[in-house]
Amino acid sequence: MGTETAERQWRGQMCVDFISTKLLSARLTVSTEQIKLAGVLGEFVFRPEDITIIGKAGFVPWLGCGIRIGHKTAKYPKQIMFLPLLPFLSRSQDILRYVQSLGYNSTLKRIP
């Protein structure tokens, strides 16, 4: 993993298997130990080895501003995404760069 150890959090929306929340109903927390997405649709905790890739989400209502978490955790829905509050102020690109700095497999490109 990277040299950064600080935990960072972002508020926004979450989408799980095409069910999307509104406004401030989710929180994404990223650290070297785990990535956690929690909100009204559930709590999903991923260790670094659970992540296959993290990248931009192409979910239409979010217009490519969201983040898709690719994972291999069988008990979780296949499609889990996060949209930061005010995506133009807290851009998904900035979150993805932070995730990448911690050593997670991530891309700034859209993933299916």
PDB file of N, CA and C in Angstrom:
ATOM      1  N   MET A   1       0.829  -1.174   0.000  1.00  0.00           N
ATOM      2  CA  MET A   1       0.000   0.000   0.000  1.00  0.00           C
ATOM      3  C   MET A   1       0.882   1.250   0.000  1.00  0.00           C
ATOM      4  N   GLY A   2       0.254   2.391  -0.207  1.00  0.00           N
ATOM      5  CA  GLY A   2       0.963   3.659  -0.274  1.00  0.00           C
ATOM      6  C   GLY A   2       1.428   4.117   1.097  1.00  0.00           C
ATOM      7  N   THR A   3       2.010   5.300   1.118  1.00  0.00           N
ATOM      8  CA  THR A   3       2.548   5.814   2.369  1.00  0.00           C
ATOM      9  C   THR A   3       1.513   6.589   3.173  1.00  0.00           C
ATOM     10  N   GLU A   4       0.411   7.006   2.552  1.00  0.00           N
ATOM     11  CA  GLU A   4      -0.613   7.755   3.280  1.00  0.00           C
ATOM     12  C   GLU A   4      -1.379   6.821   4.211  1.00  0.00           C
ATOM     13  N   THR A   5      -1.687   7.307   5.408  1.00  0.00           N
ATOM     14  CA  THR A   5      -2.433   6.491   6.355  1.00  0.00           C
ATOM     15  C   THR A   5      -3.706   7.173   6.823  1.00  0.00           C
ATOM     16  N   ALA A   6      -3.876   8.429   6.497  1.00  0.00           N
ATOM     17  CA  ALA A   6      -5.047   9.171   6.957  1.00  0.00           C
ATOM     18  C   ALA A   6      -6.324   8.626   6.331  1.00  0.00           C
ATOM     19  N   GLU A   7      -7.389   8.695   7.103  1.00  0.00           N
ATOM     20  CA  GLU A   7      -8.700   8.291   6.615  1.00  0.00           C
ATOM     21  C   GLU A   7      -9.415   9.523   6.078  1.00  0.00           C
ATOM     22  N   ARG A   8     -10.066   9.377   4.933  1.00  0.00           N
ATOM     23  CA  ARG A   8     -10.838  10.488   4.368  1.00  0.00           C
ATOM     24  C   ARG A   8     -12.260  10.031   4.131  1.00  0.00           C
ATOM     25  N   GLN A   9     -13.195  10.989   4.238  1.00  0.00           N
ATOM     26  CA  GLN A   9     -14.615  10.689   4.048  1.00  0.00           C
ATOM     27  C   GLN A   9     -15.243  11.678   3.086  1.00  0.00           C
ATOM     28  N   TRP A  10     -16.238  11.174   2.352  1.00  0.00           N
ATOM     29  CA  TRP A  10     -17.029  11.996   1.452  1.00  0.00           C
ATOM     30  C   TRP A  10     -18.490  11.644   1.650  1.00  0.00           C
ATOM     31  N   ARG A  11     -19.357  12.641   1.532  1.00  0.00           N
ATOM     32  CA  ARG A  11     -20.796  12.420   1.618  1.00  0.00           C
ATOM     33  C   ARG A  11     -21.391  12.492   0.223  1.00  0.00           C
ATOM     34  N   GLY A  12     -22.482  11.751   0.031  1.00  0.00           N
ATOM     35  CA  GLY A  12     -23.132  11.780  -1.266  1.00  0.00           C
ATOM     36  C   GLY A  12     -24.240  10.753  -1.371  1.00  0.00           C
ATOM     37  N   GLN A  13     -24.407  10.221  -2.561  1.00  0.00           N
ATOM     38  CA  GLN A  13     -25.432   9.214  -2.841  1.00  0.00           C
ATOM     39  C   GLN A  13     -24.779   7.871  -3.101  1.00  0.00           C
ATOM     40  N   MET A  14     -25.570   6.816  -2.935  1.00  0.00           N
ATOM     41  CA  MET A  14     -25.076   5.502  -3.294  1.00  0.00           C
ATOM     42  C   MET A  14     -26.073   4.822  -4.215  1.00  0.00           C
ATOM     43  N   CYS A  15     -25.577   3.897  -5.000  1.00  0.00           N
ATOM     44  CA  CYS A  15     -26.413   3.115  -5.894  1.00  0.00           C
ATOM     45  C   CYS A  15     -26.007   1.659  -5.725  1.00  0.00           C
ATOM     46  N   VAL A  16     -26.999   0.821  -5.474  1.00  0.00           N
ATOM     47  CA  VAL A  16     -26.768  -0.612  -5.309  1.00  0.00           C
ATOM     48  C   VAL A  16     -27.738  -1.337  -6.232  1.00  0.00           C
ATOM     49  N   ASP A  17     -27.203  -2.053  -7.206  1.00  0.00           N
ATOM     50  CA  ASP A  17     -28.037  -2.770  -8.176  1.00  0.00           C
ATOM     51  C   ASP A  17     -29.152  -1.892  -8.742  1.00  0.00           C
ATOM     52  N   PHE A  18     -28.819  -0.713  -9.210  1.00  0.00           N
ATOM     53  CA  PHE A  18     -29.725   0.230  -9.872  1.00  0.00           C
ATOM     54  C   PHE A  18     -30.741   0.893  -8.943  1.00  0.00           C
ATOM     55  N   ILE A  19     -30.637   0.683  -7.641  1.00  0.00           N
ATOM     56  CA  ILE A  19     -31.465   1.425  -6.690  1.00  0.00           C
ATOM     57  C   ILE A  19     -30.578   2.544  -6.155  1.00  0.00           C
ATOM     58  N   SER A  20     -31.004   3.778  -6.384  1.00  0.00           N
ATOM     59  CA  SER A  20     -30.191   4.929  -6.031  1.00  0.00           C
ATOM     60  C   SER A  20     -30.839   5.716  -4.900  1.00  0.00           C
ATOM     61  N   THR A  21     -30.008   6.275  -4.038  1.00  0.00           N
ATOM     62  CA  THR A  21     -30.495   7.104  -2.941  1.00  0.00           C
ATOM     63  C   THR A  21     -30.475   8.564  -3.361  1.00  0.00           C
ATOM     64  N   LYS A  22     -30.967   9.400  -2.514  1.00  0.00           N
ATOM     65  CA  LYS A  22     -31.010  10.839  -2.784  1.00  0.00           C
ATOM     66  C   LYS A  22     -30.158  11.595  -1.772  1.00  0.00           C
ATOM     67  N   LEU A  23     -29.661  12.710  -2.205  1.00  0.00           N
ATOM     68  CA  LEU A  23     -28.960  13.681  -1.374  1.00  0.00           C
ATOM     69  C   LEU A  23     -27.865  13.092  -0.498  1.00  0.00           C
ATOM     70  N   LEU A  24     -27.888  13.376   0.807  1.00  0.00           N
ATOM     71  CA  LEU A  24     -26.775  13.037   1.698  1.00  0.00           C
ATOM     72  C   LEU A  24     -26.973  11.722   2.419  1.00  0.00           C
ATOM     73  N   SER A  25     -27.441  10.726   1.748  1.00  0.00           N
ATOM     74  CA  SER A  25     -27.779   9.490   2.449  1.00  0.00           C
ATOM     75  C   SER A  25     -26.658   8.463   2.465  1.00  0.00           C
ATOM     76  N   ALA A  26     -25.465   8.821   2.020  1.00  0.00           N
ATOM     77  CA  ALA A  26     -24.360   7.862   2.017  1.00  0.00           C
ATOM     78  C   ALA A  26     -23.045   8.544   2.393  1.00  0.00           C
ATOM     79  N   ARG A  27     -22.129   7.722   2.892  1.00  0.00           N
ATOM     80  CA  ARG A  27     -20.793   8.211   3.255  1.00  0.00           C
ATOM     81  C   ARG A  27     -19.768   7.185   2.768  1.00  0.00           C
ATOM     82  N   LEU A  28     -18.787   7.675   2.012  1.00  0.00           N
ATOM     83  CA  LEU A  28     -17.674   6.849   1.553  1.00  0.00           C
ATOM     84  C   LEU A  28     -16.477   7.166   2.431  1.00  0.00           C
ATOM     85  N   THR A  29     -15.901   6.142   3.043  1.00  0.00           N
ATOM     86  CA  THR A  29     -14.737   6.297   3.909  1.00  0.00           C
ATOM     87  C   THR A  29     -13.606   5.459   3.329  1.00  0.00           C
ATOM     88  N   VAL A  30     -12.453   6.091   3.135  1.00  0.00           N
ATOM     89  CA  VAL A  30     -11.316   5.411   2.514  1.00  0.00           C
ATOM     90  C   VAL A  30     -10.101   5.524   3.422  1.00  0.00           C
ATOM     91  N   SER A  31      -9.467   4.390   3.675  1.00  0.00           N
ATOM     92  CA  SER A  31      -8.203   4.344   4.418  1.00  0.00           C
ATOM     93  C   SER A  31      -7.357   3.231   3.818  1.00  0.00           C
ATOM     94  N   THR A  32      -6.144   3.068   4.318  1.00  0.00           N
ATOM     95  CA  THR A  32      -5.296   1.990   3.803  1.00  0.00           C
ATOM     96  C   THR A  32      -5.846   0.617   4.177  1.00  0.00           C
ATOM     97  N   GLU A  33      -6.596   0.540   5.271  1.00  0.00           N
ATOM     98  CA  GLU A  33      -7.124  -0.736   5.746  1.00  0.00           C
ATOM     99  C   GLU A  33      -8.406  -1.170   5.040  1.00  0.00           C
ATOM    100  N   GLN A  34      -9.243  -0.179   4.615  1.00  0.00           N
ATOM    101  CA  GLN A  34     -10.533  -0.542   4.037  1.00  0.00           C
ATOM    102  C   GLN A  34     -11.183   0.626   3.307  1.00  0.00           C
ATOM    103  N   ILE A  35     -12.141   0.267   2.473  1.00  0.00           N
ATOM    104  CA  ILE A  35     -13.040   1.236   1.861  1.00  0.00           C
ATOM    105  C   ILE A  35     -14.429   0.858   2.328  1.00  0.00           C
ATOM    106  N   LYS A  36     -15.155   1.835   2.888  1.00  0.00           N
ATOM    107  CA  LYS A  36     -16.496   1.558   3.401  1.00  0.00           C
ATOM    108  C   LYS A  36     -17.480   2.524   2.772  1.00  0.00           C
ATOM    109  N   LEU A  37     -18.575   1.967   2.265  1.00  0.00           N
ATOM    110  CA  LEU A  37     -19.682   2.766   1.755  1.00  0.00           C
ATOM    111  C   LEU A  37     -20.895   2.413   2.597  1.00  0.00           C
ATOM    112  N   ALA A  38     -21.442   3.392   3.284  1.00  0.00           N
ATOM    113  CA  ALA A  38     -22.567   3.150   4.185  1.00  0.00           C
ATOM    114  C   ALA A  38     -23.672   4.157   3.918  1.00  0.00           C
ATOM    115  N   GLY A  39     -24.898   3.664   3.995  1.00  0.00           N
ATOM    116  CA  GLY A  39     -26.053   4.518   3.799  1.00  0.00           C
ATOM    117  C   GLY A  39     -27.332   3.729   3.984  1.00  0.00           C
ATOM    118  N   VAL A  40     -28.432   4.298   3.532  1.00  0.00           N
ATOM    119  CA  VAL A  40     -29.735   3.663   3.741  1.00  0.00           C
ATOM    120  C   VAL A  40     -29.873   2.336   2.994  1.00  0.00           C
ATOM    121  N   LEU A  41     -29.047   2.096   1.990  1.00  0.00           N
ATOM    122  CA  LEU A  41     -29.110   0.831   1.248  1.00  0.00           C
ATOM    123  C   LEU A  41     -28.199  -0.248   1.827  1.00  0.00           C
ATOM    124  N   GLY A  42     -27.498   0.078   2.903  1.00  0.00           N
ATOM    125  CA  GLY A  42     -26.634  -0.917   3.549  1.00  0.00           C
ATOM    126  C   GLY A  42     -25.254  -0.377   3.835  1.00  0.00           C
ATOM    127  N   GLU A  43     -24.433  -1.250   4.406  1.00  0.00           N
ATOM    128  CA  GLU A  43     -23.038  -0.926   4.702  1.00  0.00           C
ATOM    129  C   GLU A  43     -22.168  -1.959   4.018  1.00  0.00           C
ATOM    130  N   PHE A  44     -21.227  -1.488   3.215  1.00  0.00           N
ATOM    131  CA  PHE A  44     -20.358  -2.363   2.440  1.00  0.00           C
ATOM    132  C   PHE A  44     -18.913  -2.021   2.770  1.00  0.00           C
ATOM    133  N   VAL A  45     -18.201  -2.991   3.320  1.00  0.00           N
ATOM    134  CA  VAL A  45     -16.820  -2.786   3.735  1.00  0.00           C
ATOM    135  C   VAL A  45     -15.931  -3.683   2.885  1.00  0.00           C
ATOM    136  N   PHE A  46     -14.926  -3.068   2.261  1.00  0.00           N
ATOM    137  CA  PHE A  46     -14.016  -3.791   1.379  1.00  0.00           C
ATOM    138  C   PHE A  46     -12.591  -3.656   1.901  1.00  0.00           C
ATOM    139  N   ARG A  47     -11.926  -4.781   2.070  1.00  0.00           N
ATOM    140  CA  ARG A  47     -10.494  -4.764   2.352  1.00  0.00           C
ATOM    141  C   ARG A  47      -9.776  -4.620   1.006  1.00  0.00           C
ATOM    142  N   PRO A  48      -8.522  -4.221   1.006  1.00  0.00           N
ATOM    143  CA  PRO A  48      -7.810  -4.049  -0.273  1.00  0.00           C
ATOM    144  C   PRO A  48      -7.871  -5.293  -1.164  1.00  0.00           C
ATOM    145  N   GLU A  49      -7.801  -6.474  -0.575  1.00  0.00           N
ATOM    146  CA  GLU A  49      -7.823  -7.698  -1.383  1.00  0.00           C
ATOM    147  C   GLU A  49      -9.209  -8.024  -1.953  1.00  0.00           C
ATOM    148  N   ASP A  50     -10.248  -7.358  -1.464  1.00  0.00           N
ATOM    149  CA  ASP A  50     -11.612  -7.553  -1.987  1.00  0.00           C
ATOM    150  C   ASP A  50     -11.861  -6.753  -3.259  1.00  0.00           C
ATOM    151  N   ILE A  51     -11.060  -5.710  -3.475  1.00  0.00           N
ATOM    152  CA  ILE A  51     -11.264  -4.793  -4.591  1.00  0.00           C
ATOM    153  C   ILE A  51     -10.617  -5.351  -5.851  1.00  0.00           C
ATOM    154  N   THR A  52     -11.405  -5.397  -6.943  1.00  0.00           N
ATOM    155  CA  THR A  52     -10.823  -5.771  -8.236  1.00  0.00           C
ATOM    156  C   THR A  52     -10.405  -4.520  -8.992  1.00  0.00           C
ATOM    157  N   ILE A  53     -11.252  -3.488  -8.981  1.00  0.00           N
ATOM    158  CA  ILE A  53     -10.920  -2.190  -9.576  1.00  0.00           C
ATOM    159  C   ILE A  53     -11.944  -1.149  -9.121  1.00  0.00           C
ATOM    160  N   ILE A  54     -11.496   0.077  -9.036  1.00  0.00           N
ATOM    161  CA  ILE A  54     -12.374   1.202  -8.738  1.00  0.00           C
ATOM    162  C   ILE A  54     -12.170   2.218  -9.852  1.00  0.00           C
ATOM    163  N   GLY A  55     -13.280   2.709 -10.407  1.00  0.00           N
ATOM    164  CA  GLY A  55     -13.176   3.673 -11.496  1.00  0.00           C
ATOM    165  C   GLY A  55     -14.447   4.486 -11.633  1.00  0.00           C
ATOM    166  N   LYS A  56     -14.507   5.287 -12.672  1.00  0.00           N
ATOM    167  CA  LYS A  56     -15.685   6.116 -12.916  1.00  0.00           C
ATOM    168  C   LYS A  56     -16.872   5.236 -13.291  1.00  0.00           C
ATOM    169  N   ALA A  57     -18.029   5.608 -12.769  1.00  0.00           N
ATOM    170  CA  ALA A  57     -19.268   4.901 -13.091  1.00  0.00           C
ATOM    171  C   ALA A  57     -19.935   5.584 -14.267  1.00  0.00           C
ATOM    172  N   GLY A  58     -20.467   4.809 -15.159  1.00  0.00           N
ATOM    173  CA  GLY A  58     -21.142   5.361 -16.316  1.00  0.00           C
ATOM    174  C   GLY A  58     -22.644   5.362 -16.188  1.00  0.00           C
ATOM    175  N   PHE A  59     -23.149   5.224 -14.967  1.00  0.00           N
ATOM    176  CA  PHE A  59     -24.584   5.187 -14.699  1.00  0.00           C
ATOM    177  C   PHE A  59     -25.208   6.485 -15.220  1.00  0.00           C
ATOM    178  N   VAL A  60     -26.182   6.380 -16.119  1.00  0.00           N
ATOM    179  CA  VAL A  60     -26.706   7.519 -16.865  1.00  0.00           C
ATOM    180  C   VAL A  60     -27.150   8.713 -16.019  1.00  0.00           C
ATOM    181  N   PRO A  61     -27.985   8.541 -14.975  1.00  0.00           N
ATOM    182  CA  PRO A  61     -28.397   9.739 -14.234  1.00  0.00           C
ATOM    183  C   PRO A  61     -27.231  10.499 -13.593  1.00  0.00           C
ATOM    184  N   TRP A  62     -26.156   9.810 -13.358  1.00  0.00           N
ATOM    185  CA  TRP A  62     -25.018  10.458 -12.722  1.00  0.00           C
ATOM    186  C   TRP A  62     -24.040  11.046 -13.734  1.00  0.00           C
ATOM    187  N   LEU A  63     -24.270  10.787 -15.016  1.00  0.00           N
ATOM    188  CA  LEU A  63     -23.481  11.357 -16.104  1.00  0.00           C
ATOM    189  C   LEU A  63     -21.975  11.169 -15.928  1.00  0.00           C
ATOM    190  N   GLY A  64     -21.563  10.004 -15.498  1.00  0.00           N
ATOM    191  CA  GLY A  64     -20.143   9.707 -15.389  1.00  0.00           C
ATOM    192  C   GLY A  64     -19.432  10.361 -14.230  1.00  0.00           C
ATOM    193  N   CYS A  65     -20.172  10.966 -13.286  1.00  0.00           N
ATOM    194  CA  CYS A  65     -19.542  11.643 -12.143  1.00  0.00           C
ATOM    195  C   CYS A  65     -19.367  10.722 -10.938  1.00  0.00           C
ATOM    196  N   GLY A  66     -19.903   9.524 -11.012  1.00  0.00           N
ATOM    197  CA  GLY A  66     -19.861   8.604  -9.885  1.00  0.00           C
ATOM    198  C   GLY A  66     -18.645   7.698  -9.906  1.00  0.00           C
ATOM    199  N   ILE A  67     -18.556   6.877  -8.881  1.00  0.00           N
ATOM    200  CA  ILE A  67     -17.467   5.911  -8.718  1.00  0.00           C
ATOM    201  C   ILE A  67     -18.066   4.523  -8.592  1.00  0.00           C
ATOM    202  N   ARG A  68     -17.561   3.582  -9.360  1.00  0.00           N
ATOM    203  CA  ARG A  68     -18.000   2.185  -9.288  1.00  0.00           C
ATOM    204  C   ARG A  68     -16.926   1.388  -8.551  1.00  0.00           C
ATOM    205  N   ILE A  69     -17.374   0.553  -7.621  1.00  0.00           N
ATOM    206  CA  ILE A  69     -16.460  -0.296  -6.859  1.00  0.00           C
ATOM    207  C   ILE A  69     -16.590  -1.714  -7.388  1.00  0.00           C
ATOM    208  N   GLY A  70     -15.568  -2.162  -8.099  1.00  0.00           N
ATOM    209  CA  GLY A  70     -15.515  -3.547  -8.561  1.00  0.00           C
ATOM    210  C   GLY A  70     -14.928  -4.398  -7.450  1.00  0.00           C
ATOM    211  N   HIS A  71     -15.599  -5.488  -7.126  1.00  0.00           N
ATOM    212  CA  HIS A  71     -15.164  -6.290  -5.978  1.00  0.00           C
ATOM    213  C   HIS A  71     -15.417  -7.772  -6.220  1.00  0.00           C
ATOM    214  N   LYS A  72     -14.876  -8.591  -5.325  1.00  0.00           N
ATOM    215  CA  LYS A  72     -15.091 -10.037  -5.395  1.00  0.00           C
ATOM    216  C   LYS A  72     -15.676 -10.586  -4.094  1.00  0.00           C
ATOM    217  N   THR A  73     -16.514  -9.776  -3.442  1.00  0.00           N
ATOM    218  CA  THR A  73     -17.181 -10.184  -2.212  1.00  0.00           C
ATOM    219  C   THR A  73     -18.535 -10.774  -2.583  1.00  0.00           C
ATOM    220  N   ALA A  74     -18.669 -12.079  -2.484  1.00  0.00           N
ATOM    221  CA  ALA A  74     -19.862 -12.789  -2.968  1.00  0.00           C
ATOM    222  C   ALA A  74     -21.152 -12.354  -2.275  1.00  0.00           C
ATOM    223  N   LYS A  75     -21.073 -11.964  -1.015  1.00  0.00           N
ATOM    224  CA  LYS A  75     -22.298 -11.616  -0.279  1.00  0.00           C
ATOM    225  C   LYS A  75     -22.828 -10.225  -0.618  1.00  0.00           C
ATOM    226  N   TYR A  76     -22.069  -9.416  -1.374  1.00  0.00           N
ATOM    227  CA  TYR A  76     -22.495  -8.069  -1.745  1.00  0.00           C
ATOM    228  C   TYR A  76     -23.060  -8.057  -3.160  1.00  0.00           C
ATOM    229  N   PRO A  77     -23.970  -7.120  -3.440  1.00  0.00           N
ATOM    230  CA  PRO A  77     -24.447  -6.962  -4.823  1.00  0.00           C
ATOM    231  C   PRO A  77     -23.270  -6.657  -5.751  1.00  0.00           C
ATOM    232  N   LYS A  78     -23.404  -7.078  -6.993  1.00  0.00           N
ATOM    233  CA  LYS A  78     -22.314  -6.879  -7.953  1.00  0.00           C
ATOM    234  C   LYS A  78     -22.080  -5.398  -8.231  1.00  0.00           C
ATOM    235  N   GLN A  79     -23.148  -4.626  -8.344  1.00  0.00           N
ATOM    236  CA  GLN A  79     -23.023  -3.219  -8.705  1.00  0.00           C
ATOM    237  C   GLN A  79     -23.163  -2.328  -7.477  1.00  0.00           C
ATOM    238  N   ILE A  80     -22.073  -1.688  -7.089  1.00  0.00           N
ATOM    239  CA  ILE A  80     -22.061  -0.754  -5.960  1.00  0.00           C
ATOM    240  C   ILE A  80     -21.349   0.507  -6.431  1.00  0.00           C
ATOM    241  N   MET A  81     -22.050   1.659  -6.293  1.00  0.00           N
ATOM    242  CA  MET A  81     -21.493   2.921  -6.775  1.00  0.00           C
ATOM    243  C   MET A  81     -21.718   4.040  -5.764  1.00  0.00           C
ATOM    244  N   PHE A  82     -20.921   5.090  -5.899  1.00  0.00           N
ATOM    245  CA  PHE A  82     -21.011   6.268  -5.035  1.00  0.00           C
ATOM    246  C   PHE A  82     -20.923   7.525  -5.890  1.00  0.00           C
ATOM    247  N   LEU A  83     -21.765   8.516  -5.578  1.00  0.00           N
ATOM    248  CA  LEU A  83     -21.717   9.816  -6.233  1.00  0.00           C
ATOM    249  C   LEU A  83     -21.462  10.868  -5.161  1.00  0.00           C
ATOM    250  N   PRO A  84     -20.317  11.565  -5.228  1.00  0.00           N
ATOM    251  CA  PRO A  84     -20.041  12.568  -4.204  1.00  0.00           C
ATOM    252  C   PRO A  84     -21.040  13.717  -4.258  1.00  0.00           C
ATOM    253  N   LEU A  85     -21.325  14.288  -3.089  1.00  0.00           N
ATOM    254  CA  LEU A  85     -22.151  15.484  -2.995  1.00  0.00           C
ATOM    255  C   LEU A  85     -21.470  16.587  -3.785  1.00  0.00           C
ATOM    256  N   LEU A  86     -22.228  17.316  -4.556  1.00  0.00           N
ATOM    257  CA  LEU A  86     -21.684  18.382  -5.401  1.00  0.00           C
ATOM    258  C   LEU A  86     -20.469  17.872  -6.175  1.00  0.00           C
ATOM    259  N   PRO A  87     -20.692  16.952  -7.125  1.00  0.00           N
ATOM    260  CA  PRO A  87     -19.579  16.297  -7.811  1.00  0.00           C
ATOM    261  C   PRO A  87     -18.602  17.254  -8.495  1.00  0.00           C
ATOM    262  N   PHE A  88     -19.015  18.493  -8.712  1.00  0.00           N
ATOM    263  CA  PHE A  88     -18.095  19.428  -9.349  1.00  0.00           C
ATOM    264  C   PHE A  88     -17.150  20.068  -8.340  1.00  0.00           C
ATOM    265  N   LEU A  89     -17.476  19.962  -7.034  1.00  0.00           N
ATOM    266  CA  LEU A  89     -16.586  20.464  -5.996  1.00  0.00           C
ATOM    267  C   LEU A  89     -15.712  19.337  -5.447  1.00  0.00           C
ATOM    268  N   SER A  90     -16.301  18.188  -5.212  1.00  0.00           N
ATOM    269  CA  SER A  90     -15.567  17.013  -4.727  1.00  0.00           C
ATOM    270  C   SER A  90     -15.637  15.973  -5.843  1.00  0.00           C
ATOM    271  N   ARG A  91     -14.813  16.151  -6.823  1.00  0.00           N
ATOM    272  CA  ARG A  91     -14.907  15.348  -8.035  1.00  0.00           C
ATOM    273  C   ARG A  91     -14.489  13.906  -7.811  1.00  0.00           C
ATOM    274  N   SER A  92     -15.161  13.017  -8.531  1.00  0.00           N
ATOM    275  CA  SER A  92     -14.818  11.600  -8.437  1.00  0.00           C
ATOM    276  C   SER A  92     -13.361  11.384  -8.824  1.00  0.00           C
ATOM    277  N   GLN A  93     -12.857  12.192  -9.722  1.00  0.00           N
ATOM    278  CA  GLN A  93     -11.466  12.092 -10.151  1.00  0.00           C
ATOM    279  C   GLN A  93     -10.518  12.298  -8.970  1.00  0.00           C
ATOM    280  N   ASP A  94     -10.828  13.264  -8.104  1.00  0.00           N
ATOM    281  CA  ASP A  94      -9.993  13.517  -6.930  1.00  0.00           C
ATOM    282  C   ASP A  94     -10.053  12.353  -5.945  1.00  0.00           C
ATOM    283  N   ILE A  95     -11.252  11.789  -5.771  1.00  0.00           N
ATOM    284  CA  ILE A  95     -11.395  10.631  -4.884  1.00  0.00           C
ATOM    285  C   ILE A  95     -10.617   9.453  -5.444  1.00  0.00           C
ATOM    286  N   LEU A  96     -10.720   9.224  -6.751  1.00  0.00           N
ATOM    287  CA  LEU A  96     -10.004   8.108  -7.375  1.00  0.00           C
ATOM    288  C   LEU A  96      -8.496   8.281  -7.266  1.00  0.00           C
ATOM    289  N   ARG A  97      -8.017   9.494  -7.385  1.00  0.00           N
ATOM    290  CA  ARG A  97      -6.567   9.737  -7.218  1.00  0.00           C
ATOM    291  C   ARG A  97      -6.130   9.418  -5.784  1.00  0.00           C
ATOM    292  N   TYR A  98      -6.969   9.785  -4.812  1.00  0.00           N
ATOM    293  CA  TYR A  98      -6.644   9.479  -3.415  1.00  0.00           C
ATOM    294  C   TYR A  98      -6.618   7.972  -3.204  1.00  0.00           C
ATOM    295  N   VAL A  99      -7.634   7.285  -3.708  1.00  0.00           N
ATOM    296  CA  VAL A  99      -7.707   5.825  -3.594  1.00  0.00           C
ATOM    297  C   VAL A  99      -6.460   5.193  -4.217  1.00  0.00           C
ATOM    298  N   GLN A 100      -6.065   5.703  -5.379  1.00  0.00           N
ATOM    299  CA  GLN A 100      -4.884   5.196  -6.070  1.00  0.00           C
ATOM    300  C   GLN A 100      -3.621   5.443  -5.245  1.00  0.00           C
ATOM    301  N   SER A 101      -3.551   6.603  -4.583  1.00  0.00           N
ATOM    302  CA  SER A 101      -2.366   6.919  -3.772  1.00  0.00           C
ATOM    303  C   SER A 101      -2.197   5.959  -2.601  1.00  0.00           C
ATOM    304  N   LEU A 102      -3.296   5.337  -2.175  1.00  0.00           N
ATOM    305  CA  LEU A 102      -3.234   4.372  -1.078  1.00  0.00           C
ATOM    306  C   LEU A 102      -2.896   2.962  -1.558  1.00  0.00           C
ATOM    307  N   GLY A 103      -2.756   2.801  -2.877  1.00  0.00           N
ATOM    308  CA  GLY A 103      -2.333   1.515  -3.416  1.00  0.00           C
ATOM    309  C   GLY A 103      -3.449   0.629  -3.930  1.00  0.00           C
ATOM    310  N   TYR A 104      -4.686   1.106  -3.903  1.00  0.00           N
ATOM    311  CA  TYR A 104      -5.794   0.316  -4.440  1.00  0.00           C
ATOM    312  C   TYR A 104      -5.721   0.294  -5.969  1.00  0.00           C
ATOM    313  N   ASN A 105      -6.230  -0.777  -6.557  1.00  0.00           N
ATOM    314  CA  ASN A 105      -6.300  -0.884  -8.003  1.00  0.00           C
ATOM    315  C   ASN A 105      -7.418   0.028  -8.486  1.00  0.00           C
ATOM    316  N   SER A 106      -7.056   1.152  -9.090  1.00  0.00           N
ATOM    317  CA  SER A 106      -8.077   2.106  -9.534  1.00  0.00           C
ATOM    318  C   SER A 106      -7.671   2.716 -10.860  1.00  0.00           C
ATOM    319  N   THR A 107      -8.658   3.283 -11.523  1.00  0.00           N
ATOM    320  CA  THR A 107      -8.437   3.937 -12.801  1.00  0.00           C
ATOM    321  C   THR A 107      -9.281   5.207 -12.848  1.00  0.00           C
ATOM    322  N   LEU A 108      -8.818   6.176 -13.619  1.00  0.00           N
ATOM    323  CA  LEU A 108      -9.584   7.410 -13.798  1.00  0.00           C
ATOM    324  C   LEU A 108     -10.554   7.249 -14.974  1.00  0.00           C
ATOM    325  N   LYS A 109     -10.552   6.091 -15.595  1.00  0.00           N
ATOM    326  CA  LYS A 109     -11.423   5.820 -16.732  1.00  0.00           C
ATOM    327  C   LYS A 109     -12.721   5.179 -16.271  1.00  0.00           C
ATOM    328  N   ARG A 110     -13.705   5.181 -17.158  1.00  0.00           N
ATOM    329  CA  ARG A 110     -15.002   4.556 -16.901  1.00  0.00           C
ATOM    330  C   ARG A 110     -14.830   3.036 -16.951  1.00  0.00           C
ATOM    331  N   ILE A 111     -15.447   2.358 -15.972  1.00  0.00           N
ATOM    332  CA  ILE A 111     -15.430   0.908 -15.989  1.00  0.00           C
ATOM    333  C   ILE A 111     -16.869   0.396 -16.141  1.00  0.00           C
ATOM    334  N   PRO A 112     -17.034  -0.722 -16.825  1.00  0.00           N
ATOM    335  CA  PRO A 112     -18.395  -1.257 -17.038  1.00  0.00           C
ATOM    336  C   PRO A 112     -18.994  -1.832 -15.776  1.00  0.00           C
TER     337      PRO A 112
END
